[in-house]
């Protein structure tokens, strides 16, 4: 984009050039691909992982908060 002297524009009431539109699409796809690769590397052989603790795969949640029986969901 620098070789053709095209300015990158963002915001309201600004038109993107014909070159910037696919560039932005490819950039967003690349960022998502990097996020998917990181989560697959973290997950490994497991089916899921917790956001803060990668070794944790299951969180117990209270099943019945209203009756206060203390029963946990499996």
PDB file of N, CA and C in Angstrom:
ATOM      1  N   UNK A   1       0.819  -1.179   0.000  1.00  0.00           N
ATOM      2  CA  UNK A   1       0.000   0.000   0.000  1.00  0.00           C
ATOM      3  C   UNK A   1       0.871   1.254   0.000  1.00  0.00           C
ATOM      4  N   UNK A   2       2.050   1.114   0.563  1.00  0.00           N
ATOM      5  CA  UNK A   2       2.938   2.267   0.579  1.00  0.00           C
ATOM      6  C   UNK A   2       3.514   2.543  -0.805  1.00  0.00           C
ATOM      7  N   UNK A   3       3.705   1.490  -1.615  1.00  0.00           N
ATOM      8  CA  UNK A   3       4.278   1.674  -2.942  1.00  0.00           C
ATOM      9  C   UNK A   3       3.325   2.428  -3.861  1.00  0.00           C
ATOM     10  N   UNK A   4       2.040   2.258  -3.651  1.00  0.00           N
ATOM     11  CA  UNK A   4       1.052   2.931  -4.500  1.00  0.00           C
ATOM     12  C   UNK A   4       0.552   4.230  -3.881  1.00  0.00           C
ATOM     13  N   UNK A   5       1.088   4.610  -2.751  1.00  0.00           N
ATOM     14  CA  UNK A   5       0.712   5.845  -2.067  1.00  0.00           C
ATOM     15  C   UNK A   5      -0.784   5.873  -1.743  1.00  0.00           C
ATOM     16  N   UNK A   6      -1.265   4.778  -1.128  1.00  0.00           N
ATOM     17  CA  UNK A   6      -2.664   4.660  -0.724  1.00  0.00           C
ATOM     18  C   UNK A   6      -2.724   4.803   0.787  1.00  0.00           C
ATOM     19  N   UNK A   7      -3.592   5.659   1.259  1.00  0.00           N
ATOM     20  CA  UNK A   7      -3.745   5.831   2.700  1.00  0.00           C
ATOM     21  C   UNK A   7      -4.815   4.879   3.209  1.00  0.00           C
ATOM     22  N   UNK A   8      -4.575   4.327   4.378  1.00  0.00           N
ATOM     23  CA  UNK A   8      -5.528   3.420   5.006  1.00  0.00           C
ATOM     24  C   UNK A   8      -6.508   4.265   5.797  1.00  0.00           C
ATOM     25  N   UNK A   9      -7.804   4.092   5.525  1.00  0.00           N
ATOM     26  CA  UNK A   9      -8.827   4.896   6.191  1.00  0.00           C
ATOM     27  C   UNK A   9      -9.752   3.987   6.976  1.00  0.00           C
ATOM     28  N   UNK A  10     -10.176   4.459   8.134  1.00  0.00           N
ATOM     29  CA  UNK A  10     -11.161   3.790   8.969  1.00  0.00           C
ATOM     30  C   UNK A  10     -12.083   4.857   9.518  1.00  0.00           C
ATOM     31  N   UNK A  11     -13.277   4.467   9.864  1.00  0.00           N
ATOM     32  CA  UNK A  11     -14.173   5.400  10.516  1.00  0.00           C
ATOM     33  C   UNK A  11     -15.459   5.615   9.742  1.00  0.00           C
ATOM     34  N   UNK A  12     -16.268   6.479  10.289  1.00  0.00           N
ATOM     35  CA  UNK A  12     -17.571   6.774   9.709  1.00  0.00           C
ATOM     36  C   UNK A  12     -17.399   7.737   8.536  1.00  0.00           C
ATOM     37  N   UNK A  13     -18.184   7.526   7.501  1.00  0.00           N
ATOM     38  CA  UNK A  13     -18.227   8.374   6.304  1.00  0.00           C
ATOM     39  C   UNK A  13     -16.903   8.417   5.546  1.00  0.00           C
ATOM     40  N   UNK A  14     -16.170   7.338   5.570  1.00  0.00           N
ATOM     41  CA  UNK A  14     -14.959   7.242   4.762  1.00  0.00           C
ATOM     42  C   UNK A  14     -15.056   5.980   3.925  1.00  0.00           C
ATOM     43  N   UNK A  15     -14.708   6.094   2.678  1.00  0.00           N
ATOM     44  CA  UNK A  15     -14.761   4.947   1.774  1.00  0.00           C
ATOM     45  C   UNK A  15     -13.389   4.283   1.708  1.00  0.00           C
ATOM     46  N   UNK A  16     -13.413   2.964   1.787  1.00  0.00           N
ATOM     47  CA  UNK A  16     -12.175   2.212   1.649  1.00  0.00           C
ATOM     48  C   UNK A  16     -11.879   2.033   0.163  1.00  0.00           C
ATOM     49  N   UNK A  17     -10.617   1.960  -0.158  1.00  0.00           N
ATOM     50  CA  UNK A  17     -10.236   1.742  -1.550  1.00  0.00           C
ATOM     51  C   UNK A  17     -10.453   0.280  -1.914  1.00  0.00           C
ATOM     52  N   UNK A  18     -10.365  -0.019  -3.206  1.00  0.00           N
ATOM     53  CA  UNK A  18     -10.564  -1.393  -3.674  1.00  0.00           C
ATOM     54  C   UNK A  18      -9.458  -2.321  -3.192  1.00  0.00           C
ATOM     55  N   UNK A  19      -8.337  -1.781  -2.837  1.00  0.00           N
ATOM     56  CA  UNK A  19      -7.231  -2.599  -2.337  1.00  0.00           C
ATOM     57  C   UNK A  19      -7.355  -2.810  -0.834  1.00  0.00           C
ATOM     58  N   UNK A  20      -7.854  -1.818  -0.111  1.00  0.00           N
ATOM     59  CA  UNK A  20      -7.924  -1.922   1.343  1.00  0.00           C
ATOM     60  C   UNK A  20      -8.991  -2.905   1.795  1.00  0.00           C
ATOM     61  N   UNK A  21     -10.091  -3.022   1.077  1.00  0.00           N
ATOM     62  CA  UNK A  21     -11.189  -3.897   1.498  1.00  0.00           C
ATOM     63  C   UNK A  21     -10.754  -5.366   1.598  1.00  0.00           C
ATOM     64  N   UNK A  22     -10.154  -5.969   0.557  1.00  0.00           N
ATOM     65  CA  UNK A  22      -9.680  -7.356   0.731  1.00  0.00           C
ATOM     66  C   UNK A  22      -8.506  -7.469   1.701  1.00  0.00           C
ATOM     67  N   UNK A  23      -7.699  -6.417   1.795  1.00  0.00           N
ATOM     68  CA  UNK A  23      -6.593  -6.416   2.752  1.00  0.00           C
ATOM     69  C   UNK A  23      -7.126  -6.546   4.174  1.00  0.00           C
ATOM     70  N   UNK A  24      -8.173  -5.796   4.514  1.00  0.00           N
ATOM     71  CA  UNK A  24      -8.769  -5.875   5.850  1.00  0.00           C
ATOM     72  C   UNK A  24      -9.378  -7.247   6.101  1.00  0.00           C
ATOM     73  N   UNK A  25     -10.026  -7.822   5.088  1.00  0.00           N
ATOM     74  CA  UNK A  25     -10.623  -9.152   5.228  1.00  0.00           C
ATOM     75  C   UNK A  25      -9.552 -10.204   5.498  1.00  0.00           C
ATOM     76  N   UNK A  26      -8.466 -10.140   4.761  1.00  0.00           N
ATOM     77  CA  UNK A  26      -7.370 -11.094   4.948  1.00  0.00           C
ATOM     78  C   UNK A  26      -6.719 -10.896   6.313  1.00  0.00           C
ATOM     79  N   UNK A  27      -6.584  -9.655   6.744  1.00  0.00           N
ATOM     80  CA  UNK A  27      -5.981  -9.366   8.046  1.00  0.00           C
ATOM     81  C   UNK A  27      -6.825  -9.930   9.185  1.00  0.00           C
ATOM     82  N   UNK A  28      -8.145  -9.764   9.115  1.00  0.00           N
ATOM     83  CA  UNK A  28      -9.042 -10.298  10.146  1.00  0.00           C
ATOM     84  C   UNK A  28      -8.990 -11.823  10.149  1.00  0.00           C
ATOM     85  N   UNK A  29      -8.961 -12.435   8.961  1.00  0.00           N
ATOM     86  CA  UNK A  29      -8.882 -13.894   8.872  1.00  0.00           C
ATOM     87  C   UNK A  29      -7.570 -14.408   9.450  1.00  0.00           C
ATOM     88  N   UNK A  30      -6.487 -13.698   9.209  1.00  0.00           N
ATOM     89  CA  UNK A  30      -5.186 -14.096   9.737  1.00  0.00           C
ATOM     90  C   UNK A  30      -5.156 -14.018  11.260  1.00  0.00           C
ATOM     91  N   UNK A  31      -5.754 -12.985  11.824  1.00  0.00           N
ATOM     92  CA  UNK A  31      -5.801 -12.846  13.280  1.00  0.00           C
ATOM     93  C   UNK A  31      -6.613 -13.975  13.896  1.00  0.00           C
ATOM     94  N   UNK A  32      -7.748 -14.325  13.272  1.00  0.00           N
ATOM     95  CA  UNK A  32      -8.567 -15.434  13.771  1.00  0.00           C
ATOM     96  C   UNK A  32      -7.812 -16.753  13.672  1.00  0.00           C
ATOM     97  N   UNK A  33      -7.075 -16.940  12.583  1.00  0.00           N
ATOM     98  CA  UNK A  33      -6.294 -18.164  12.412  1.00  0.00           C
ATOM     99  C   UNK A  33      -5.245 -18.297  13.508  1.00  0.00           C
ATOM    100  N   UNK A  34      -4.592 -17.202  13.859  1.00  0.00           N
ATOM    101  CA  UNK A  34      -3.612 -17.238  14.947  1.00  0.00           C
ATOM    102  C   UNK A  34      -4.269 -17.580  16.275  1.00  0.00           C
ATOM    103  N   UNK A  35      -5.469 -17.049  16.522  1.00  0.00           N
ATOM    104  CA  UNK A  35      -6.184 -17.366  17.757  1.00  0.00           C
ATOM    105  C   UNK A  35      -6.572 -18.841  17.789  1.00  0.00           C
ATOM    106  N   UNK A  36      -7.029 -19.378  16.658  1.00  0.00           N
ATOM    107  CA  UNK A  36      -7.396 -20.796  16.603  1.00  0.00           C
ATOM    108  C   UNK A  36      -6.183 -21.687  16.832  1.00  0.00           C
ATOM    109  N   UNK A  37      -5.056 -21.325  16.245  1.00  0.00           N
ATOM    110  CA  UNK A  37      -3.843 -22.124  16.432  1.00  0.00           C
ATOM    111  C   UNK A  37      -3.395 -22.115  17.888  1.00  0.00           C
ATOM    112  N   UNK A  38      -3.482 -20.959  18.544  1.00  0.00           N
ATOM    113  CA  UNK A  38      -3.096 -20.891  19.960  1.00  0.00           C
ATOM    114  C   UNK A  38      -4.009 -21.740  20.808  1.00  0.00           C
ATOM    115  N   UNK A  39      -5.318 -21.670  20.561  1.00  0.00           N
ATOM    116  CA  UNK A  39      -6.234 -22.463  21.379  1.00  0.00           C
ATOM    117  C   UNK A  39      -6.063 -23.951  21.102  1.00  0.00           C
ATOM    118  N   UNK A  40      -5.740 -24.338  19.873  1.00  0.00           N
ATOM    119  CA  UNK A  40      -5.469 -25.749  19.593  1.00  0.00           C
ATOM    120  C   UNK A  40      -4.179 -26.209  20.261  1.00  0.00           C
ATOM    121  N   UNK A  41      -3.177 -25.348  20.306  1.00  0.00           N
ATOM    122  CA  UNK A  41      -1.935 -25.695  21.002  1.00  0.00           C
ATOM    123  C   UNK A  41      -2.170 -25.864  22.494  1.00  0.00           C
ATOM    124  N   UNK A  42      -2.994 -25.002  23.073  1.00  0.00           N
ATOM    125  CA  UNK A  42      -3.299 -25.097  24.501  1.00  0.00           C
ATOM    126  C   UNK A  42      -4.122 -26.341  24.775  1.00  0.00           C
ATOM    127  N   UNK A  43      -5.105 -26.594  23.926  1.00  0.00           N
ATOM    128  CA  UNK A  43      -6.041 -27.702  24.149  1.00  0.00           C
ATOM    129  C   UNK A  43      -5.338 -29.056  24.009  1.00  0.00           C
ATOM    130  N   UNK A  44      -4.546 -29.212  22.985  1.00  0.00           N
ATOM    131  CA  UNK A  44      -3.825 -30.464  22.784  1.00  0.00           C
ATOM    132  C   UNK A  44      -4.753 -31.636  22.544  1.00  0.00           C
ATOM    133  N   UNK A  45      -4.607 -32.696  23.364  1.00  0.00           N
ATOM    134  CA  UNK A  45      -5.429 -33.894  23.208  1.00  0.00           C
ATOM    135  C   UNK A  45      -6.760 -33.779  23.931  1.00  0.00           C
ATOM    136  N   UNK A  46      -6.915 -32.763  24.770  1.00  0.00           N
ATOM    137  CA  UNK A  46      -8.159 -32.593  25.512  1.00  0.00           C
ATOM    138  C   UNK A  46      -9.231 -32.006  24.600  1.00  0.00           C
ATOM    139  N   UNK A  47     -10.485 -32.104  25.035  1.00  0.00           N
ATOM    140  CA  UNK A  47     -11.574 -31.535  24.253  1.00  0.00           C
ATOM    141  C   UNK A  47     -11.809 -30.068  24.571  1.00  0.00           C
ATOM    142  N   UNK A  48     -11.417 -29.639  25.758  1.00  0.00           N
ATOM    143  CA  UNK A  48     -11.667 -28.258  26.157  1.00  0.00           C
ATOM    144  C   UNK A  48     -10.615 -27.829  27.172  1.00  0.00           C
ATOM    145  N   UNK A  49     -10.621 -26.552  27.480  1.00  0.00           N
ATOM    146  CA  UNK A  49      -9.737 -26.027  28.509  1.00  0.00           C
ATOM    147  C   UNK A  49     -10.392 -24.806  29.122  1.00  0.00           C
ATOM    148  N   UNK A  50      -9.971 -24.464  30.339  1.00  0.00           N
ATOM    149  CA  UNK A  50     -10.494 -23.299  31.027  1.00  0.00           C
ATOM    150  C   UNK A  50      -9.619 -22.099  30.686  1.00  0.00           C
ATOM    151  N   UNK A  51     -10.215 -20.933  30.596  1.00  0.00           N
ATOM    152  CA  UNK A  51      -9.519 -19.749  30.113  1.00  0.00           C
ATOM    153  C   UNK A  51      -8.346 -19.335  31.000  1.00  0.00           C
ATOM    154  N   UNK A  52      -8.482 -19.455  32.306  1.00  0.00           N
ATOM    155  CA  UNK A  52      -7.433 -18.988  33.209  1.00  0.00           C
ATOM    156  C   UNK A  52      -6.461 -20.081  33.612  1.00  0.00           C
ATOM    157  N   UNK A  53      -6.944 -21.332  33.727  1.00  0.00           N
ATOM    158  CA  UNK A  53      -6.106 -22.454  34.133  1.00  0.00           C
ATOM    159  C   UNK A  53      -6.198 -23.509  33.046  1.00  0.00           C
ATOM    160  N   UNK A  54      -5.142 -23.670  32.263  1.00  0.00           N
ATOM    161  CA  UNK A  54      -5.207 -24.533  31.092  1.00  0.00           C
ATOM    162  C   UNK A  54      -5.325 -26.009  31.434  1.00  0.00           C
ATOM    163  N   UNK A  55      -4.901 -26.411  32.646  1.00  0.00           N
ATOM    164  CA  UNK A  55      -4.980 -27.814  33.019  1.00  0.00           C
ATOM    165  C   UNK A  55      -6.376 -28.209  33.467  1.00  0.00           C
ATOM    166  N   UNK A  56      -7.190 -27.250  33.842  1.00  0.00           N
ATOM    167  CA  UNK A  56      -8.546 -27.534  34.300  1.00  0.00           C
ATOM    168  C   UNK A  56      -9.453 -27.737  33.100  1.00  0.00           C
ATOM    169  N   UNK A  57     -10.248 -28.813  33.132  1.00  0.00           N
ATOM    170  CA  UNK A  57     -11.153 -29.067  32.013  1.00  0.00           C
ATOM    171  C   UNK A  57     -12.603 -29.069  32.441  1.00  0.00           C
ATOM    172  N   UNK A  58     -12.899 -29.068  33.731  1.00  0.00           N
ATOM    173  CA  UNK A  58     -14.280 -29.154  34.186  1.00  0.00           C
ATOM    174  C   UNK A  58     -14.470 -28.258  35.394  1.00  0.00           C
ATOM    175  N   UNK A  59     -15.566 -27.521  35.408  1.00  0.00           N
ATOM    176  CA  UNK A  59     -15.886 -26.647  36.527  1.00  0.00           C
ATOM    177  C   UNK A  59     -17.207 -27.103  37.109  1.00  0.00           C
ATOM    178  N   UNK A  60     -17.254 -27.261  38.428  1.00  0.00           N
ATOM    179  CA  UNK A  60     -18.512 -27.634  39.054  1.00  0.00           C
ATOM    180  C   UNK A  60     -19.386 -26.404  39.201  1.00  0.00           C
ATOM    181  N   UNK A  61     -20.649 -26.548  38.821  1.00  0.00           N
ATOM    182  CA  UNK A  61     -21.596 -25.451  38.951  1.00  0.00           C
ATOM    183  C   UNK A  61     -22.752 -25.911  39.818  1.00  0.00           C
ATOM    184  N   UNK A  62     -23.251 -25.018  40.630  1.00  0.00           N
ATOM    185  CA  UNK A  62     -24.389 -25.383  41.463  1.00  0.00           C
ATOM    186  C   UNK A  62     -25.616 -25.576  40.596  1.00  0.00           C
ATOM    187  N   UNK A  63     -26.317 -26.691  40.823  1.00  0.00           N
ATOM    188  CA  UNK A  63     -27.483 -27.032  40.020  1.00  0.00           C
ATOM    189  C   UNK A  63     -28.722 -26.340  40.546  1.00  0.00           C
ATOM    190  N   UNK A  64     -28.819 -26.219  41.858  1.00  0.00           N
ATOM    191  CA  UNK A  64     -30.045 -25.712  42.449  1.00  0.00           C
ATOM    192  C   UNK A  64     -29.708 -24.601  43.437  1.00  0.00           C
ATOM    193  N   UNK A  65     -29.535 -23.398  42.938  1.00  0.00           N
ATOM    194  CA  UNK A  65     -29.208 -22.267  43.805  1.00  0.00           C
ATOM    195  C   UNK A  65     -30.424 -21.756  44.557  1.00  0.00           C
ATOM    196  N   UNK A  66     -31.596 -21.929  43.989  1.00  0.00           N
ATOM    197  CA  UNK A  66     -32.788 -21.334  44.583  1.00  0.00           C
ATOM    198  C   UNK A  66     -33.242 -22.079  45.842  1.00  0.00           C
ATOM    199  N   UNK A  67     -33.141 -23.398  45.829  1.00  0.00           N
ATOM    200  CA  UNK A  67     -33.557 -24.171  46.997  1.00  0.00           C
ATOM    201  C   UNK A  67     -32.428 -24.348  47.999  1.00  0.00           C
ATOM    202  N   UNK A  68     -31.233 -23.962  47.641  1.00  0.00           N
ATOM    203  CA  UNK A  68     -30.047 -24.061  48.484  1.00  0.00           C
ATOM    204  C   UNK A  68     -29.823 -25.474  49.013  1.00  0.00           C
ATOM    205  N   UNK A  69     -29.907 -26.431  48.099  1.00  0.00           N
ATOM    206  CA  UNK A  69     -29.643 -27.814  48.473  1.00  0.00           C
ATOM    207  C   UNK A  69     -28.164 -28.143  48.327  1.00  0.00           C
ATOM    208  N   UNK A  70     -27.434 -27.337  47.566  1.00  0.00           N
ATOM    209  CA  UNK A  70     -26.010 -27.580  47.403  1.00  0.00           C
ATOM    210  C   UNK A  70     -25.703 -28.707  46.445  1.00  0.00           C
ATOM    211  N   UNK A  71     -26.649 -29.070  45.593  1.00  0.00           N
ATOM    212  CA  UNK A  71     -26.438 -30.138  44.621  1.00  0.00           C
ATOM    213  C   UNK A  71     -25.612 -29.571  43.468  1.00  0.00           C
ATOM    214  N   UNK A  72     -24.598 -30.323  43.064  1.00  0.00           N
ATOM    215  CA  UNK A  72     -23.752 -29.885  41.970  1.00  0.00           C
ATOM    216  C   UNK A  72     -24.129 -30.598  40.688  1.00  0.00           C
ATOM    217  N   UNK A  73     -23.976 -29.904  39.579  1.00  0.00           N
ATOM    218  CA  UNK A  73     -24.215 -30.492  38.268  1.00  0.00           C
ATOM    219  C   UNK A  73     -23.071 -31.434  37.926  1.00  0.00           C
ATOM    220  N   UNK A  74     -23.355 -32.557  37.315  1.00  0.00           N
ATOM    221  CA  UNK A  74     -22.255 -33.449  36.911  1.00  0.00           C
ATOM    222  C   UNK A  74     -21.537 -32.902  35.700  1.00  0.00           C
TER     223      UNK A  74
END
